[in-house]
Amino acid sequence: MFARFLVVLCALAPMAYFQTSECRAQNQEKKAKVEKLFDSFLRRGDFPLKFKVSVYRTSKTGLGPYIGSIVASNSMITIADRKEPALVLKANLTGLPPGAHAFHIHQNPDCGPKEKDGVMVPGLAAGAHLFAAYDTGGIEPVTLICKSHLGNLPNLTVNPDGTSTEEIIVPRLALADLVNRSIMVHESQDDTSAREACGMFK
């Protein structure tokens, strides 16, 4: 009896494995379709969807004090004789030094510090600017550094009282490009200046 049970079990095991593999493949296919649909949805400029991103000062030990928010939404803009979607970023920030500040979308949804050359650097966990590098792919891929890239936003202007309520419109980007990314405000208009404030879009 036990021997028969083992024979049946051995016969059913491969079937269960293949069914499980087939189910996994179907689930992955469904997930890919949902992600593609979600991405398309977040690229529509005619859909009134808004997200509020909380912004915090960066520090060597983690997130610093809350300094306000940036509301992100899609919109339609007219370029020459055509309409196309664009990303709109509306700042509501306080406690920043007056003047122009470099303003970027960074690769990672992490505003924390990261070690570089033995020193903890505030905001470094956000990674590089979005789309700053391009991998050519192929057998021997080459990474090209782009001098002009979509993650590099127009400078954010801070008023003499340390507030910014500026609205920035960014062609060729959409809410979909912010998913699992961060928005960074630098210390000055120099793109390489310290990472002063950051918000995560998860």
N, C-alpha and C. Protein backbone atom coordinates (compact mmCIF):
# COMPACT_ATOMS: atom_id res chain seq x y z
N MET A 1 0.83 -1.20 0.00
CA MET A 1 0.00 0.00 0.00
C MET A 1 0.87 1.26 0.00
N PHE A 2 1.87 1.25 0.84
CA PHE A 2 2.76 2.40 0.95
C PHE A 2 3.53 2.61 -0.36
N ALA A 3 3.91 1.45 -0.98
CA ALA A 3 4.64 1.52 -2.25
C ALA A 3 3.77 2.16 -3.32
N ARG A 4 2.46 1.79 -3.36
CA ARG A 4 1.54 2.40 -4.33
C ARG A 4 1.42 3.91 -4.09
N PHE A 5 1.36 4.27 -2.82
CA PHE A 5 1.26 5.70 -2.47
C PHE A 5 2.46 6.47 -2.99
N LEU A 6 3.65 5.88 -2.84
CA LEU A 6 4.87 6.52 -3.32
C LEU A 6 4.86 6.67 -4.84
N VAL A 7 4.36 5.62 -5.53
CA VAL A 7 4.29 5.67 -6.99
C VAL A 7 3.37 6.81 -7.44
N VAL A 8 2.19 6.90 -6.81
CA VAL A 8 1.23 7.96 -7.14
C VAL A 8 1.83 9.33 -6.85
N LEU A 9 2.48 9.43 -5.69
CA LEU A 9 3.10 10.71 -5.29
C LEU A 9 4.17 11.13 -6.29
N CYS A 10 4.99 10.16 -6.70
CA CYS A 10 6.05 10.46 -7.67
C CYS A 10 5.46 10.87 -9.02
N ALA A 11 4.31 10.32 -9.38
CA ALA A 11 3.67 10.67 -10.64
C ALA A 11 3.04 12.05 -10.58
N LEU A 12 2.48 12.41 -9.41
CA LEU A 12 1.80 13.70 -9.28
C LEU A 12 2.76 14.87 -9.06
N ALA A 13 3.91 14.59 -8.47
CA ALA A 13 4.85 15.66 -8.13
C ALA A 13 5.25 16.51 -9.33
N PRO A 14 5.66 15.87 -10.47
CA PRO A 14 6.02 16.71 -11.64
C PRO A 14 4.85 17.54 -12.13
N MET A 15 3.62 16.97 -12.09
CA MET A 15 2.45 17.71 -12.54
C MET A 15 2.24 18.94 -11.68
N ALA A 16 2.40 18.76 -10.36
CA ALA A 16 2.24 19.89 -9.44
C ALA A 16 3.30 20.94 -9.69
N TYR A 17 4.52 20.49 -9.98
CA TYR A 17 5.61 21.43 -10.25
C TYR A 17 5.32 22.26 -11.49
N PHE A 18 4.92 21.56 -12.59
CA PHE A 18 4.64 22.28 -13.84
C PHE A 18 3.45 23.21 -13.70
N GLN A 19 2.42 22.77 -12.93
CA GLN A 19 1.27 23.64 -12.71
C GLN A 19 1.70 24.88 -11.93
N THR A 20 2.56 24.65 -10.93
CA THR A 20 3.04 25.77 -10.14
C THR A 20 3.86 26.72 -11.01
N SER A 21 4.72 26.16 -11.87
CA SER A 21 5.54 26.99 -12.76
C SER A 21 4.65 27.77 -13.72
N GLU A 22 3.61 27.09 -14.23
CA GLU A 22 2.68 27.75 -15.15
C GLU A 22 1.93 28.87 -14.44
N CYS A 23 1.51 28.59 -13.19
CA CYS A 23 0.81 29.63 -12.40
C CYS A 23 1.73 30.82 -12.14
N ARG A 24 2.99 30.52 -11.84
CA ARG A 24 3.95 31.60 -11.59
C ARG A 24 4.10 32.47 -12.83
N ALA A 25 4.23 31.82 -13.99
CA ALA A 25 4.39 32.56 -15.24
C ALA A 25 3.15 33.42 -15.53
N GLN A 26 1.96 32.84 -15.26
CA GLN A 26 0.72 33.60 -15.48
C GLN A 26 0.64 34.79 -14.53
N ASN A 27 1.03 34.56 -13.27
CA ASN A 27 1.00 35.64 -12.28
C ASN A 27 1.97 36.76 -12.66
N GLN A 28 3.15 36.38 -13.15
CA GLN A 28 4.13 37.38 -13.56
C GLN A 28 3.62 38.17 -14.76
N GLU A 29 2.95 37.46 -15.69
CA GLU A 29 2.39 38.13 -16.86
C GLU A 29 1.30 39.11 -16.46
N LYS A 30 0.43 38.68 -15.51
CA LYS A 30 -0.63 39.57 -15.02
C LYS A 30 -0.03 40.79 -14.33
N LYS A 31 1.01 40.55 -13.52
CA LYS A 31 1.66 41.66 -12.80
C LYS A 31 2.26 42.66 -13.78
N ALA A 32 2.90 42.15 -14.84
CA ALA A 32 3.50 43.03 -15.85
C ALA A 32 2.42 43.87 -16.54
N LYS A 33 1.26 43.25 -16.83
CA LYS A 33 0.16 43.97 -17.48
C LYS A 33 -0.39 45.06 -16.57
N VAL A 34 -0.53 44.74 -15.28
CA VAL A 34 -1.04 45.73 -14.32
C VAL A 34 -0.06 46.89 -14.19
N GLU A 35 1.25 46.58 -14.11
CA GLU A 35 2.26 47.64 -14.01
C GLU A 35 2.26 48.53 -15.25
N LYS A 36 2.09 47.92 -16.43
CA LYS A 36 2.05 48.70 -17.67
C LYS A 36 0.82 49.60 -17.70
N LEU A 37 -0.32 49.05 -17.25
CA LEU A 37 -1.56 49.84 -17.20
C LEU A 37 -1.42 51.00 -16.22
N PHE A 38 -0.82 50.72 -15.04
CA PHE A 38 -0.61 51.75 -14.02
C PHE A 38 0.32 52.85 -14.55
N ASP A 39 1.38 52.43 -15.27
CA ASP A 39 2.32 53.40 -15.84
C ASP A 39 1.61 54.29 -16.86
N SER A 40 0.79 53.68 -17.73
CA SER A 40 0.04 54.45 -18.72
C SER A 40 -0.92 55.44 -18.06
N PHE A 41 -1.56 54.98 -17.00
CA PHE A 41 -2.51 55.80 -16.25
C PHE A 41 -1.80 57.03 -15.67
N LEU A 42 -0.59 56.83 -15.13
CA LEU A 42 0.15 57.93 -14.50
C LEU A 42 0.85 58.83 -15.51
N ARG A 43 0.72 58.52 -16.80
CA ARG A 43 1.29 59.38 -17.85
C ARG A 43 0.22 60.24 -18.53
N ARG A 44 -1.02 60.04 -18.16
CA ARG A 44 -2.10 60.81 -18.80
C ARG A 44 -2.11 62.25 -18.28
N GLY A 45 -1.98 63.18 -19.21
CA GLY A 45 -1.99 64.59 -18.82
C GLY A 45 -3.38 65.14 -18.61
N ASP A 46 -4.39 64.40 -19.07
CA ASP A 46 -5.77 64.91 -18.96
C ASP A 46 -6.50 64.34 -17.74
N PHE A 47 -5.79 63.66 -16.86
CA PHE A 47 -6.44 63.07 -15.68
C PHE A 47 -6.06 63.87 -14.44
N PRO A 48 -7.03 64.42 -13.71
CA PRO A 48 -6.73 65.32 -12.57
C PRO A 48 -6.31 64.57 -11.31
N LEU A 49 -5.14 63.97 -11.35
CA LEU A 49 -4.63 63.21 -10.22
C LEU A 49 -3.46 63.96 -9.59
N LYS A 50 -3.48 64.11 -8.25
CA LYS A 50 -2.41 64.85 -7.56
C LYS A 50 -1.85 64.02 -6.41
N PHE A 51 -0.55 64.15 -6.19
CA PHE A 51 0.11 63.48 -5.08
C PHE A 51 0.90 64.51 -4.28
N LYS A 52 0.79 64.43 -2.97
CA LYS A 52 1.55 65.33 -2.10
C LYS A 52 2.77 64.59 -1.56
N VAL A 53 3.94 65.15 -1.82
CA VAL A 53 5.20 64.56 -1.37
C VAL A 53 5.71 65.37 -0.18
N SER A 54 5.85 64.73 0.96
CA SER A 54 6.38 65.41 2.16
C SER A 54 7.89 65.60 2.00
N VAL A 55 8.36 66.80 2.35
CA VAL A 55 9.78 67.13 2.17
C VAL A 55 10.42 67.38 3.54
N TYR A 56 11.61 66.81 3.73
CA TYR A 56 12.34 66.90 5.00
C TYR A 56 13.76 67.38 4.73
N ARG A 57 14.33 68.02 5.72
CA ARG A 57 15.75 68.34 5.64
C ARG A 57 16.54 67.04 5.69
N THR A 58 17.66 67.01 5.00
CA THR A 58 18.52 65.83 5.06
C THR A 58 19.47 65.98 6.25
N SER A 59 20.01 64.86 6.71
CA SER A 59 21.00 64.92 7.78
C SER A 59 21.89 63.67 7.71
N LYS A 60 22.95 63.68 8.48
CA LYS A 60 23.88 62.54 8.50
C LYS A 60 23.32 61.34 9.24
N THR A 61 22.23 61.55 9.97
CA THR A 61 21.68 60.45 10.78
C THR A 61 20.32 59.96 10.29
N GLY A 62 19.76 60.58 9.26
CA GLY A 62 18.44 60.17 8.77
C GLY A 62 17.65 61.39 8.32
N LEU A 63 16.34 61.27 8.33
CA LEU A 63 15.51 62.41 7.95
C LEU A 63 15.51 63.48 9.03
N GLY A 64 15.65 64.72 8.60
CA GLY A 64 15.61 65.84 9.53
C GLY A 64 14.19 66.36 9.67
N PRO A 65 14.03 67.62 10.10
CA PRO A 65 12.70 68.21 10.29
C PRO A 65 11.89 68.33 8.99
N TYR A 66 10.59 68.23 9.12
CA TYR A 66 9.66 68.43 8.02
C TYR A 66 9.65 69.91 7.65
N ILE A 67 9.77 70.24 6.35
CA ILE A 67 9.80 71.65 5.95
C ILE A 67 8.69 72.00 4.95
N GLY A 68 7.80 71.05 4.67
CA GLY A 68 6.70 71.36 3.76
C GLY A 68 6.43 70.23 2.79
N SER A 69 5.87 70.59 1.65
CA SER A 69 5.48 69.56 0.68
C SER A 69 5.63 70.06 -0.74
N ILE A 70 5.61 69.11 -1.66
CA ILE A 70 5.56 69.40 -3.10
C ILE A 70 4.39 68.59 -3.66
N VAL A 71 3.46 69.27 -4.32
CA VAL A 71 2.33 68.59 -4.93
C VAL A 71 2.69 68.31 -6.39
N ALA A 72 2.60 67.04 -6.78
CA ALA A 72 2.94 66.63 -8.14
C ALA A 72 1.67 66.24 -8.88
N SER A 73 1.54 66.69 -10.12
CA SER A 73 0.37 66.35 -10.93
C SER A 73 0.76 66.38 -12.41
N ASN A 74 -0.08 65.76 -13.23
CA ASN A 74 0.10 65.82 -14.67
C ASN A 74 -0.76 66.95 -15.24
N SER A 75 -0.34 67.48 -16.37
CA SER A 75 -1.11 68.50 -17.06
C SER A 75 -0.86 68.38 -18.55
N MET A 76 -1.62 69.11 -19.33
CA MET A 76 -1.40 69.17 -20.78
C MET A 76 -0.82 70.54 -21.11
N ILE A 77 0.22 70.56 -21.92
CA ILE A 77 0.81 71.82 -22.37
C ILE A 77 0.83 71.86 -23.89
N THR A 78 0.91 73.06 -24.44
CA THR A 78 0.98 73.22 -25.89
C THR A 78 2.39 73.61 -26.29
N ILE A 79 2.99 72.80 -27.16
CA ILE A 79 4.32 73.09 -27.69
C ILE A 79 4.18 73.20 -29.20
N ALA A 80 4.48 74.40 -29.73
CA ALA A 80 4.23 74.69 -31.16
C ALA A 80 2.75 74.45 -31.43
N ASP A 81 2.42 73.50 -32.30
CA ASP A 81 1.01 73.27 -32.62
C ASP A 81 0.50 71.94 -32.08
N ARG A 82 1.21 71.37 -31.11
CA ARG A 82 0.78 70.08 -30.57
C ARG A 82 0.61 70.16 -29.05
N LYS A 83 -0.27 69.32 -28.53
CA LYS A 83 -0.47 69.21 -27.09
C LYS A 83 0.20 67.94 -26.59
N GLU A 84 0.84 68.04 -25.44
CA GLU A 84 1.45 66.85 -24.86
C GLU A 84 1.45 66.97 -23.34
N PRO A 85 1.51 65.80 -22.64
CA PRO A 85 1.50 65.84 -21.18
C PRO A 85 2.79 66.39 -20.60
N ALA A 86 2.70 66.96 -19.41
CA ALA A 86 3.88 67.46 -18.69
C ALA A 86 3.64 67.29 -17.20
N LEU A 87 4.72 67.26 -16.45
CA LEU A 87 4.66 67.14 -15.00
C LEU A 87 4.65 68.53 -14.37
N VAL A 88 3.77 68.73 -13.39
CA VAL A 88 3.70 70.00 -12.68
C VAL A 88 4.09 69.75 -11.22
N LEU A 89 5.05 70.53 -10.72
CA LEU A 89 5.49 70.43 -9.33
C LEU A 89 5.23 71.76 -8.64
N LYS A 90 4.38 71.74 -7.63
CA LYS A 90 4.01 72.95 -6.89
C LYS A 90 4.58 72.87 -5.48
N ALA A 91 5.55 73.74 -5.19
CA ALA A 91 6.23 73.72 -3.90
C ALA A 91 5.47 74.50 -2.84
N ASN A 92 5.58 74.05 -1.61
CA ASN A 92 5.08 74.78 -0.44
C ASN A 92 6.06 74.50 0.69
N LEU A 93 7.21 75.19 0.62
CA LEU A 93 8.34 74.88 1.50
C LEU A 93 8.72 76.10 2.36
N THR A 94 9.30 75.82 3.51
CA THR A 94 9.76 76.88 4.41
C THR A 94 11.15 76.54 4.94
N GLY A 95 11.82 77.57 5.49
CA GLY A 95 13.09 77.34 6.18
C GLY A 95 14.28 77.06 5.28
N LEU A 96 14.23 77.51 4.04
CA LEU A 96 15.35 77.31 3.12
C LEU A 96 16.09 78.62 2.90
N PRO A 97 17.38 78.58 2.60
CA PRO A 97 18.12 79.81 2.31
C PRO A 97 17.58 80.48 1.04
N PRO A 98 17.43 81.81 1.04
CA PRO A 98 16.92 82.52 -0.14
C PRO A 98 17.82 82.32 -1.36
N GLY A 99 17.18 82.40 -2.53
CA GLY A 99 17.94 82.29 -3.78
C GLY A 99 17.54 81.08 -4.59
N ALA A 100 18.34 80.82 -5.62
CA ALA A 100 18.08 79.70 -6.52
C ALA A 100 18.71 78.42 -5.98
N HIS A 101 17.97 77.33 -6.09
CA HIS A 101 18.44 76.02 -5.63
C HIS A 101 18.31 75.00 -6.76
N ALA A 102 19.37 74.24 -6.99
CA ALA A 102 19.27 73.14 -7.95
C ALA A 102 18.19 72.17 -7.46
N PHE A 103 17.44 71.63 -8.41
CA PHE A 103 16.23 70.88 -8.10
C PHE A 103 16.20 69.67 -9.03
N HIS A 104 16.15 68.46 -8.46
CA HIS A 104 16.28 67.27 -9.30
C HIS A 104 15.35 66.14 -8.86
N ILE A 105 15.11 65.23 -9.80
CA ILE A 105 14.53 63.93 -9.47
C ILE A 105 15.70 62.95 -9.41
N HIS A 106 15.76 62.20 -8.31
CA HIS A 106 16.85 61.23 -8.13
C HIS A 106 16.33 59.81 -8.24
N GLN A 107 17.25 58.88 -8.45
CA GLN A 107 16.90 57.50 -8.80
C GLN A 107 16.14 56.73 -7.73
N ASN A 108 16.50 56.88 -6.46
CA ASN A 108 15.98 56.01 -5.40
C ASN A 108 14.97 56.71 -4.50
N PRO A 109 13.98 55.96 -3.99
CA PRO A 109 13.01 56.55 -3.05
C PRO A 109 13.55 56.51 -1.62
N ASP A 110 14.72 57.13 -1.43
CA ASP A 110 15.40 57.08 -0.13
C ASP A 110 16.12 58.41 0.09
N CYS A 111 15.73 59.14 1.12
CA CYS A 111 16.34 60.44 1.41
C CYS A 111 17.41 60.35 2.50
N GLY A 112 17.73 59.16 2.89
CA GLY A 112 18.67 58.97 3.99
C GLY A 112 20.12 59.23 3.61
N PRO A 113 21.00 59.18 4.60
CA PRO A 113 22.43 59.37 4.34
C PRO A 113 23.06 58.09 3.81
N LYS A 114 24.23 58.23 3.25
CA LYS A 114 24.99 57.07 2.79
C LYS A 114 26.47 57.39 2.92
N GLU A 115 27.25 56.37 3.19
CA GLU A 115 28.68 56.59 3.41
C GLU A 115 29.42 56.76 2.09
N LYS A 116 30.30 57.75 2.05
CA LYS A 116 31.19 57.96 0.91
C LYS A 116 32.55 58.37 1.42
N ASP A 117 33.57 57.62 1.06
CA ASP A 117 34.95 57.88 1.50
C ASP A 117 35.04 57.95 3.02
N GLY A 118 34.27 57.08 3.69
CA GLY A 118 34.33 57.00 5.15
C GLY A 118 33.52 58.05 5.88
N VAL A 119 32.75 58.86 5.15
CA VAL A 119 31.96 59.93 5.76
C VAL A 119 30.49 59.76 5.37
N MET A 120 29.58 59.94 6.34
CA MET A 120 28.15 59.88 6.04
C MET A 120 27.72 61.17 5.36
N VAL A 121 27.12 61.03 4.17
CA VAL A 121 26.71 62.19 3.39
C VAL A 121 25.19 62.29 3.38
N PRO A 122 24.61 63.40 3.85
CA PRO A 122 23.15 63.54 3.87
C PRO A 122 22.53 63.41 2.47
N GLY A 123 21.46 62.63 2.37
CA GLY A 123 20.71 62.51 1.13
C GLY A 123 21.35 61.66 0.04
N LEU A 124 22.52 61.10 0.30
CA LEU A 124 23.24 60.37 -0.75
C LEU A 124 22.54 59.06 -1.14
N ALA A 125 21.71 58.51 -0.25
CA ALA A 125 21.01 57.26 -0.55
C ALA A 125 20.00 57.44 -1.70
N ALA A 126 19.68 58.69 -2.04
CA ALA A 126 18.77 58.95 -3.16
C ALA A 126 19.39 58.59 -4.50
N GLY A 127 20.68 58.36 -4.52
CA GLY A 127 21.35 57.99 -5.76
C GLY A 127 21.58 59.17 -6.68
N ALA A 128 21.87 58.85 -7.93
CA ALA A 128 22.18 59.88 -8.93
C ALA A 128 20.91 60.51 -9.49
N HIS A 129 21.09 61.54 -10.30
CA HIS A 129 19.95 62.17 -10.98
C HIS A 129 19.29 61.15 -11.90
N LEU A 130 17.98 61.21 -12.01
CA LEU A 130 17.24 60.31 -12.88
C LEU A 130 17.63 60.54 -14.34
N PHE A 131 17.87 59.45 -15.06
CA PHE A 131 18.23 59.47 -16.48
C PHE A 131 19.55 60.20 -16.73
N ALA A 132 20.43 60.25 -15.72
CA ALA A 132 21.72 60.93 -15.92
C ALA A 132 22.71 60.04 -16.66
N ALA A 133 22.45 58.73 -16.65
CA ALA A 133 23.33 57.79 -17.34
C ALA A 133 22.51 56.89 -18.25
N TYR A 134 23.15 56.42 -19.32
CA TYR A 134 22.48 55.57 -20.28
C TYR A 134 23.34 54.35 -20.56
N ASP A 135 22.76 53.16 -20.39
CA ASP A 135 23.48 51.92 -20.64
C ASP A 135 23.18 51.47 -22.07
N THR A 136 24.21 51.32 -22.90
CA THR A 136 24.02 50.98 -24.31
C THR A 136 23.57 49.54 -24.52
N GLY A 137 23.76 48.67 -23.51
CA GLY A 137 23.36 47.26 -23.65
C GLY A 137 24.30 46.52 -24.59
N GLY A 138 23.86 45.36 -25.07
CA GLY A 138 24.68 44.58 -25.99
C GLY A 138 25.67 43.69 -25.27
N ILE A 139 26.56 43.09 -26.03
CA ILE A 139 27.53 42.14 -25.46
C ILE A 139 28.52 42.87 -24.56
N GLU A 140 28.98 44.02 -24.98
CA GLU A 140 29.90 44.81 -24.16
C GLU A 140 29.26 46.17 -23.89
N PRO A 141 28.33 46.23 -22.90
CA PRO A 141 27.61 47.49 -22.65
C PRO A 141 28.53 48.61 -22.18
N VAL A 142 28.19 49.80 -22.59
CA VAL A 142 28.94 51.00 -22.18
C VAL A 142 27.97 51.94 -21.50
N THR A 143 28.37 52.51 -20.36
CA THR A 143 27.54 53.48 -19.67
C THR A 143 27.94 54.89 -20.10
N LEU A 144 26.98 55.59 -20.69
CA LEU A 144 27.22 56.96 -21.14
C LEU A 144 26.63 57.94 -20.14
N ILE A 145 27.34 58.97 -19.79
CA ILE A 145 26.85 60.00 -18.88
C ILE A 145 26.25 61.13 -19.72
N CYS A 146 24.98 61.44 -19.44
CA CYS A 146 24.26 62.46 -20.22
C CYS A 146 24.49 63.85 -19.61
N LYS A 147 24.91 64.79 -20.42
CA LYS A 147 25.10 66.16 -19.94
C LYS A 147 23.76 66.85 -19.68
N SER A 148 22.77 66.52 -20.48
CA SER A 148 21.41 67.04 -20.29
C SER A 148 20.49 65.85 -20.07
N HIS A 149 19.71 65.89 -18.99
CA HIS A 149 18.87 64.74 -18.68
C HIS A 149 17.55 65.19 -18.05
N LEU A 150 16.56 64.31 -18.12
CA LEU A 150 15.22 64.67 -17.69
C LEU A 150 15.08 64.84 -16.18
N GLY A 151 15.98 64.25 -15.40
CA GLY A 151 15.90 64.42 -13.95
C GLY A 151 16.35 65.78 -13.47
N ASN A 152 16.97 66.55 -14.36
CA ASN A 152 17.48 67.88 -14.01
C ASN A 152 16.36 68.90 -14.24
N LEU A 153 15.75 69.37 -13.17
CA LEU A 153 14.60 70.27 -13.25
C LEU A 153 15.07 71.73 -13.25
N PRO A 154 14.19 72.66 -13.63
CA PRO A 154 14.53 74.09 -13.48
C PRO A 154 14.82 74.41 -12.02
N ASN A 155 15.68 75.39 -11.78
CA ASN A 155 16.01 75.77 -10.40
C ASN A 155 14.76 76.16 -9.61
N LEU A 156 14.77 75.84 -8.33
CA LEU A 156 13.69 76.24 -7.42
C LEU A 156 14.09 77.56 -6.77
N THR A 157 13.23 78.56 -6.86
CA THR A 157 13.53 79.87 -6.28
C THR A 157 12.92 79.97 -4.88
N VAL A 158 13.76 80.38 -3.91
CA VAL A 158 13.32 80.57 -2.53
C VAL A 158 13.29 82.07 -2.23
N ASN A 159 12.19 82.53 -1.68
CA ASN A 159 11.99 83.94 -1.36
C ASN A 159 12.89 84.40 -0.21
N PRO A 160 13.03 85.74 -0.01
CA PRO A 160 13.85 86.25 1.09
C PRO A 160 13.43 85.74 2.48
N ASP A 161 12.14 85.39 2.65
CA ASP A 161 11.69 84.89 3.95
C ASP A 161 11.90 83.38 4.11
N GLY A 162 12.57 82.73 3.14
CA GLY A 162 12.88 81.30 3.26
C GLY A 162 11.78 80.38 2.76
N THR A 163 10.73 80.95 2.15
CA THR A 163 9.64 80.13 1.65
C THR A 163 9.72 79.99 0.13
N SER A 164 9.11 78.94 -0.38
CA SER A 164 8.98 78.78 -1.82
C SER A 164 7.61 78.21 -2.12
N THR A 165 6.87 78.93 -2.97
CA THR A 165 5.57 78.45 -3.43
C THR A 165 5.59 78.36 -4.95
N GLU A 166 6.76 78.16 -5.49
CA GLU A 166 6.93 78.16 -6.93
C GLU A 166 6.28 76.94 -7.58
N GLU A 167 5.77 77.14 -8.78
CA GLU A 167 5.21 76.05 -9.58
C GLU A 167 6.10 75.85 -10.80
N ILE A 168 6.56 74.64 -10.98
CA ILE A 168 7.47 74.32 -12.07
C ILE A 168 6.80 73.32 -13.01
N ILE A 169 6.85 73.60 -14.30
CA ILE A 169 6.28 72.70 -15.31
C ILE A 169 7.44 72.03 -16.05
N VAL A 170 7.37 70.70 -16.12
CA VAL A 170 8.47 69.93 -16.71
C VAL A 170 7.96 69.11 -17.90
N PRO A 171 8.23 69.55 -19.14
CA PRO A 171 7.83 68.77 -20.31
C PRO A 171 8.55 67.42 -20.33
N ARG A 172 7.95 66.44 -20.99
CA ARG A 172 8.50 65.10 -21.22
C ARG A 172 8.56 64.22 -19.98
N LEU A 173 8.11 64.72 -18.84
CA LEU A 173 8.02 63.89 -17.64
C LEU A 173 6.56 63.78 -17.20
N ALA A 174 6.27 62.75 -16.42
CA ALA A 174 4.92 62.53 -15.90
C ALA A 174 5.01 61.93 -14.50
N LEU A 175 3.87 61.81 -13.84
CA LEU A 175 3.83 61.19 -12.50
C LEU A 175 4.49 59.81 -12.50
N ALA A 176 4.34 59.10 -13.60
CA ALA A 176 4.92 57.75 -13.69
C ALA A 176 6.43 57.78 -13.47
N ASP A 177 7.08 58.87 -13.87
CA ASP A 177 8.53 58.97 -13.71
C ASP A 177 8.95 59.24 -12.27
N LEU A 178 7.99 59.60 -11.42
CA LEU A 178 8.29 59.87 -10.01
C LEU A 178 8.13 58.63 -9.12
N VAL A 179 7.45 57.61 -9.64
CA VAL A 179 7.18 56.43 -8.81
C VAL A 179 8.49 55.77 -8.39
N ASN A 180 8.63 55.55 -7.08
CA ASN A 180 9.84 54.97 -6.50
C ASN A 180 11.08 55.81 -6.79
N ARG A 181 10.91 57.13 -6.73
CA ARG A 181 12.01 58.07 -6.90
C ARG A 181 11.99 59.07 -5.75
N SER A 182 12.92 60.01 -5.77
CA SER A 182 12.92 61.09 -4.76
C SER A 182 13.10 62.43 -5.47
N ILE A 183 12.66 63.49 -4.79
CA ILE A 183 12.82 64.86 -5.30
C ILE A 183 13.79 65.57 -4.36
N MET A 184 14.84 66.14 -4.93
CA MET A 184 15.91 66.71 -4.11
C MET A 184 16.06 68.21 -4.34
N VAL A 185 16.20 68.95 -3.24
CA VAL A 185 16.53 70.38 -3.29
C VAL A 185 17.96 70.52 -2.80
N HIS A 186 18.82 71.12 -3.64
CA HIS A 186 20.22 71.28 -3.27
C HIS A 186 20.45 72.61 -2.55
N GLU A 187 21.61 72.72 -1.95
CA GLU A 187 21.94 73.88 -1.12
C GLU A 187 22.02 75.17 -1.94
N SER A 188 22.48 75.08 -3.18
CA SER A 188 22.60 76.25 -4.05
C SER A 188 22.20 75.85 -5.47
N GLN A 189 22.39 76.76 -6.42
CA GLN A 189 22.04 76.44 -7.80
C GLN A 189 23.08 75.54 -8.47
N ASP A 190 24.16 75.25 -7.78
CA ASP A 190 25.18 74.32 -8.27
C ASP A 190 24.64 72.89 -8.12
N ASP A 191 24.58 72.15 -9.24
CA ASP A 191 24.05 70.79 -9.21
C ASP A 191 24.81 69.85 -8.27
N THR A 192 26.08 70.18 -8.01
CA THR A 192 26.89 69.31 -7.14
C THR A 192 26.92 69.79 -5.69
N SER A 193 26.14 70.82 -5.37
CA SER A 193 26.13 71.33 -3.99
C SER A 193 25.42 70.33 -3.06
N ALA A 194 25.55 70.55 -1.78
CA ALA A 194 25.01 69.62 -0.78
C ALA A 194 23.51 69.39 -0.98
N ARG A 195 23.07 68.18 -0.67
CA ARG A 195 21.66 67.81 -0.78
C ARG A 195 20.93 68.29 0.48
N GLU A 196 20.18 69.34 0.35
CA GLU A 196 19.64 70.04 1.53
C GLU A 196 18.30 69.52 2.00
N ALA A 197 17.40 69.21 1.08
CA ALA A 197 16.06 68.75 1.45
C ALA A 197 15.58 67.72 0.44
N CYS A 198 14.71 66.83 0.89
CA CYS A 198 14.37 65.69 0.03
C CYS A 198 12.96 65.18 0.36
N GLY A 199 12.27 64.69 -0.67
CA GLY A 199 10.97 64.05 -0.49
C GLY A 199 10.91 62.77 -1.30
N MET A 200 10.25 61.75 -0.78
CA MET A 200 10.18 60.44 -1.44
C MET A 200 8.81 60.20 -2.03
N PHE A 201 8.78 59.67 -3.23
CA PHE A 201 7.54 59.36 -3.93
C PHE A 201 7.47 57.84 -4.06
N LYS A 202 6.73 57.20 -3.13
CA LYS A 202 6.66 55.73 -3.13
C LYS A 202 5.28 55.28 -3.54
